[in-house]
């Protein structure tokens, strides 16, 4: 049973490891954010995309569970774990990774990405359900 879970979830696990690798790279590889008005800078868009894809992959890998009675627990797990992981990456940037700095606005972008990936998943599922009903 556990091997099925790992096999089914290899895409989001690989993606989460890639996020950890990218957030651990020295800060000189990326542009610095100067003020709040730079919110829509490429850096924030990258955070949004990374975590949006992560939550989408988590839901897509477990879409069968989404259709079963455990729907709420899956949604809660994805949203909570994505938010915690986004906070963890910023914590690691602030206190562990060399040449990196944690940023509260990056955390907000991570969290927004997590919720956006969930919204995209729901839109795709609803669109597929509408096609099936026709």
C-alpha atoms as a PDB file:
ATOM      1  CA  UNK A   1       0.000   0.000   0.000  1.00  0.00           C
ATOM      2  CA  UNK A   2       2.758   2.487   0.907  1.00  0.00           C
ATOM      3  CA  UNK A   3       4.613   1.756  -2.320  1.00  0.00           C
ATOM      4  CA  UNK A   4       1.445   2.674  -4.252  1.00  0.00           C
ATOM      5  CA  UNK A   5       1.330   6.032  -2.478  1.00  0.00           C
ATOM      6  CA  UNK A   6       4.966   6.763  -3.360  1.00  0.00           C
ATOM      7  CA  UNK A   7       4.506   5.555  -6.918  1.00  0.00           C
ATOM      8  CA  UNK A   8       1.376   7.645  -7.374  1.00  0.00           C
ATOM      9  CA  UNK A   9       2.968  10.743  -5.832  1.00  0.00           C
ATOM     10  CA  UNK A  10       6.367  10.773  -7.509  1.00  0.00           C
ATOM     11  CA  UNK A  11       5.616  13.911  -9.598  1.00  0.00           C
ATOM     12  CA  UNK A  12       4.808  16.190  -6.622  1.00  0.00           C
ATOM     13  CA  UNK A  13       7.663  14.690  -4.573  1.00  0.00           C
ATOM     14  CA  UNK A  14      10.140  15.403  -7.370  1.00  0.00           C
ATOM     15  CA  UNK A  15       8.700  18.897  -7.810  1.00  0.00           C
ATOM     16  CA  UNK A  16       8.978  19.608  -4.063  1.00  0.00           C
ATOM     17  CA  UNK A  17      12.640  18.540  -4.154  1.00  0.00           C
ATOM     18  CA  UNK A  18      13.240  20.838  -7.120  1.00  0.00           C
ATOM     19  CA  UNK A  19      11.666  23.732  -5.191  1.00  0.00           C
ATOM     20  CA  UNK A  20      13.975  22.990  -2.248  1.00  0.00           C
ATOM     21  CA  UNK A  21      16.976  22.961  -4.575  1.00  0.00           C
ATOM     22  CA  UNK A  22      15.988  26.238  -6.244  1.00  0.00           C
ATOM     23  CA  UNK A  23      15.269  27.987  -2.953  1.00  0.00           C
ATOM     24  CA  UNK A  24      18.626  26.820  -1.610  1.00  0.00           C
ATOM     25  CA  UNK A  25      20.703  28.322  -4.417  1.00  0.00           C
ATOM     26  CA  UNK A  26      22.761  31.345  -3.387  1.00  0.00           C
ATOM     27  CA  UNK A  27      20.863  34.624  -3.640  1.00  0.00           C
ATOM     28  CA  UNK A  28      23.293  36.098  -6.158  1.00  0.00           C
ATOM     29  CA  UNK A  29      21.632  33.902  -8.807  1.00  0.00           C
ATOM     30  CA  UNK A  30      18.360  35.844  -8.545  1.00  0.00           C
ATOM     31  CA  UNK A  31      17.330  39.523  -8.660  1.00  0.00           C
ATOM     32  CA  UNK A  32      16.759  41.301  -5.330  1.00  0.00           C
ATOM     33  CA  UNK A  33      13.368  42.781  -4.398  1.00  0.00           C
ATOM     34  CA  UNK A  34      13.716  46.352  -3.158  1.00  0.00           C
ATOM     35  CA  UNK A  35      10.208  47.334  -2.049  1.00  0.00           C
ATOM     36  CA  UNK A  36       6.627  46.212  -1.678  1.00  0.00           C
ATOM     37  CA  UNK A  37       5.796  47.715  -5.090  1.00  0.00           C
ATOM     38  CA  UNK A  38       7.974  45.097  -6.731  1.00  0.00           C
ATOM     39  CA  UNK A  39       5.367  42.496  -5.674  1.00  0.00           C
ATOM     40  CA  UNK A  40       4.701  41.435  -9.269  1.00  0.00           C
ATOM     41  CA  UNK A  41       8.373  41.075 -10.048  1.00  0.00           C
ATOM     42  CA  UNK A  42       9.606  37.945 -11.826  1.00  0.00           C
ATOM     43  CA  UNK A  43      10.694  36.561  -8.446  1.00  0.00           C
ATOM     44  CA  UNK A  44       7.142  36.588  -7.072  1.00  0.00           C
ATOM     45  CA  UNK A  45       5.719  35.113 -10.263  1.00  0.00           C
ATOM     46  CA  UNK A  46       8.255  32.280 -10.023  1.00  0.00           C
ATOM     47  CA  UNK A  47       7.217  31.576  -6.413  1.00  0.00           C
ATOM     48  CA  UNK A  48       3.567  31.602  -7.440  1.00  0.00           C
ATOM     49  CA  UNK A  49       4.201  29.176 -10.306  1.00  0.00           C
ATOM     50  CA  UNK A  50       6.405  26.808  -8.301  1.00  0.00           C
ATOM     51  CA  UNK A  51       3.848  26.372  -5.542  1.00  0.00           C
ATOM     52  CA  UNK A  52       0.871  26.432  -7.899  1.00  0.00           C
ATOM     53  CA  UNK A  53       2.346  23.538  -9.833  1.00  0.00           C
ATOM     54  CA  UNK A  54       3.157  21.720  -6.590  1.00  0.00           C
ATOM     55  CA  UNK A  55      -0.407  21.859  -5.255  1.00  0.00           C
ATOM     56  CA  UNK A  56      -1.835  20.975  -8.668  1.00  0.00           C
ATOM     57  CA  UNK A  57       0.453  17.925  -8.916  1.00  0.00           C
ATOM     58  CA  UNK A  58      -0.471  16.833  -5.391  1.00  0.00           C
ATOM     59  CA  UNK A  59      -4.167  16.980  -6.244  1.00  0.00           C
ATOM     60  CA  UNK A  60      -3.797  15.461  -9.705  1.00  0.00           C
ATOM     61  CA  UNK A  61      -1.764  12.540  -8.360  1.00  0.00           C
ATOM     62  CA  UNK A  62      -4.532  11.837  -5.861  1.00  0.00           C
ATOM     63  CA  UNK A  63      -7.550  12.751  -8.002  1.00  0.00           C
ATOM     64  CA  UNK A  64      -9.204   9.376  -7.369  1.00  0.00           C
ATOM     65  CA  UNK A  65      -9.280  10.215  -3.666  1.00  0.00           C
ATOM     66  CA  UNK A  66     -10.719  13.632  -4.594  1.00  0.00           C
ATOM     67  CA  UNK A  67     -13.771  11.913  -6.071  1.00  0.00           C
ATOM     68  CA  UNK A  68     -14.219   9.653  -3.070  1.00  0.00           C
ATOM     69  CA  UNK A  69     -15.528  10.553   0.360  1.00  0.00           C
ATOM     70  CA  UNK A  70     -12.112  11.800   1.542  1.00  0.00           C
ATOM     71  CA  UNK A  71     -12.361  14.951  -0.608  1.00  0.00           C
ATOM     72  CA  UNK A  72     -12.157  17.431   2.280  1.00  0.00           C
ATOM     73  CA  UNK A  73      -9.185  15.747   3.905  1.00  0.00           C
ATOM     74  CA  UNK A  74      -7.243  15.787   0.620  1.00  0.00           C
ATOM     75  CA  UNK A  75      -8.013  19.459  -0.011  1.00  0.00           C
ATOM     76  CA  UNK A  76      -7.070  20.365   3.560  1.00  0.00           C
ATOM     77  CA  UNK A  77      -3.860  18.351   3.344  1.00  0.00           C
ATOM     78  CA  UNK A  78      -2.786  19.980   0.069  1.00  0.00           C
ATOM     79  CA  UNK A  79      -3.576  23.538   1.167  1.00  0.00           C
ATOM     80  CA  UNK A  80      -2.065  23.161   4.635  1.00  0.00           C
ATOM     81  CA  UNK A  81       1.033  21.256   3.525  1.00  0.00           C
ATOM     82  CA  UNK A  82       1.646  23.673   0.622  1.00  0.00           C
ATOM     83  CA  UNK A  83       1.405  26.637   2.969  1.00  0.00           C
ATOM     84  CA  UNK A  84       3.695  25.015   5.548  1.00  0.00           C
ATOM     85  CA  UNK A  85       6.205  24.016   2.859  1.00  0.00           C
ATOM     86  CA  UNK A  86       6.174  27.575   1.529  1.00  0.00           C
ATOM     87  CA  UNK A  87       6.899  28.856   5.030  1.00  0.00           C
ATOM     88  CA  UNK A  88       9.589  26.222   5.550  1.00  0.00           C
ATOM     89  CA  UNK A  89      11.436  27.235   2.385  1.00  0.00           C
ATOM     90  CA  UNK A  90      11.443  30.871   3.511  1.00  0.00           C
ATOM     91  CA  UNK A  91      12.607  29.847   7.009  1.00  0.00           C
ATOM     92  CA  UNK A  92      15.439  27.806   5.477  1.00  0.00           C
ATOM     93  CA  UNK A  93      16.405  30.756   3.293  1.00  0.00           C
ATOM     94  CA  UNK A  94      16.493  33.039   6.327  1.00  0.00           C
ATOM     95  CA  UNK A  95      18.374  30.778   8.738  1.00  0.00           C
ATOM     96  CA  UNK A  96      20.035  27.842   6.945  1.00  0.00           C
ATOM     97  CA  UNK A  97      20.879  28.452   3.276  1.00  0.00           C
ATOM     98  CA  UNK A  98      24.015  30.526   2.701  1.00  0.00           C
ATOM     99  CA  UNK A  99      23.541  33.699   0.676  1.00  0.00           C
ATOM    100  CA  UNK A 100      19.732  33.596   0.898  1.00  0.00           C
ATOM    101  CA  UNK A 101      17.253  35.756   2.766  1.00  0.00           C
ATOM    102  CA  UNK A 102      13.728  34.780   3.768  1.00  0.00           C
ATOM    103  CA  UNK A 103      11.016  37.171   2.680  1.00  0.00           C
ATOM    104  CA  UNK A 104       7.440  37.465   3.945  1.00  0.00           C
ATOM    105  CA  UNK A 105       6.261  38.547   0.487  1.00  0.00           C
ATOM    106  CA  UNK A 106       7.806  35.403  -0.997  1.00  0.00           C
ATOM    107  CA  UNK A 107       5.854  33.406   1.572  1.00  0.00           C
ATOM    108  CA  UNK A 108       2.644  35.167   0.496  1.00  0.00           C
ATOM    109  CA  UNK A 109       3.480  34.361  -3.137  1.00  0.00           C
ATOM    110  CA  UNK A 110       4.075  30.707  -2.158  1.00  0.00           C
ATOM    111  CA  UNK A 111       0.739  30.580  -0.369  1.00  0.00           C
ATOM    112  CA  UNK A 112      -1.066  32.315  -3.239  1.00  0.00           C
ATOM    113  CA  UNK A 113       0.476  29.813  -5.636  1.00  0.00           C
ATOM    114  CA  UNK A 114      -0.708  26.913  -3.487  1.00  0.00           C
ATOM    115  CA  UNK A 115      -4.283  28.188  -3.550  1.00  0.00           C
ATOM    116  CA  UNK A 116      -4.046  29.024  -7.275  1.00  0.00           C
ATOM    117  CA  UNK A 117      -2.960  25.478  -8.097  1.00  0.00           C
ATOM    118  CA  UNK A 118      -5.947  24.199  -6.150  1.00  0.00           C
ATOM    119  CA  UNK A 119      -8.281  26.553  -8.036  1.00  0.00           C
ATOM    120  CA  UNK A 120      -6.854  25.445 -11.381  1.00  0.00           C
ATOM    121  CA  UNK A 121      -7.366  21.803 -10.436  1.00  0.00           C
ATOM    122  CA  UNK A 122     -11.009  22.438  -9.490  1.00  0.00           C
ATOM    123  CA  UNK A 123     -11.622  24.331 -12.753  1.00  0.00           C
ATOM    124  CA  UNK A 124     -10.192  21.479 -14.823  1.00  0.00           C
ATOM    125  CA  UNK A 125     -12.205  18.868 -12.916  1.00  0.00           C
ATOM    126  CA  UNK A 126     -15.413  20.880 -13.342  1.00  0.00           C
ATOM    127  CA  UNK A 127     -14.758  21.357 -17.046  1.00  0.00           C
ATOM    128  CA  UNK A 128     -14.149  17.619 -17.493  1.00  0.00           C
ATOM    129  CA  UNK A 129     -17.351  16.824 -15.570  1.00  0.00           C
ATOM    130  CA  UNK A 130     -19.330  19.171 -17.838  1.00  0.00           C
ATOM    131  CA  UNK A 131     -17.939  17.439 -20.916  1.00  0.00           C
ATOM    132  CA  UNK A 132     -18.934  14.028 -19.535  1.00  0.00           C
ATOM    133  CA  UNK A 133     -22.506  15.190 -18.891  1.00  0.00           C
ATOM    134  CA  UNK A 134     -22.977  16.255 -22.520  1.00  0.00           C
END
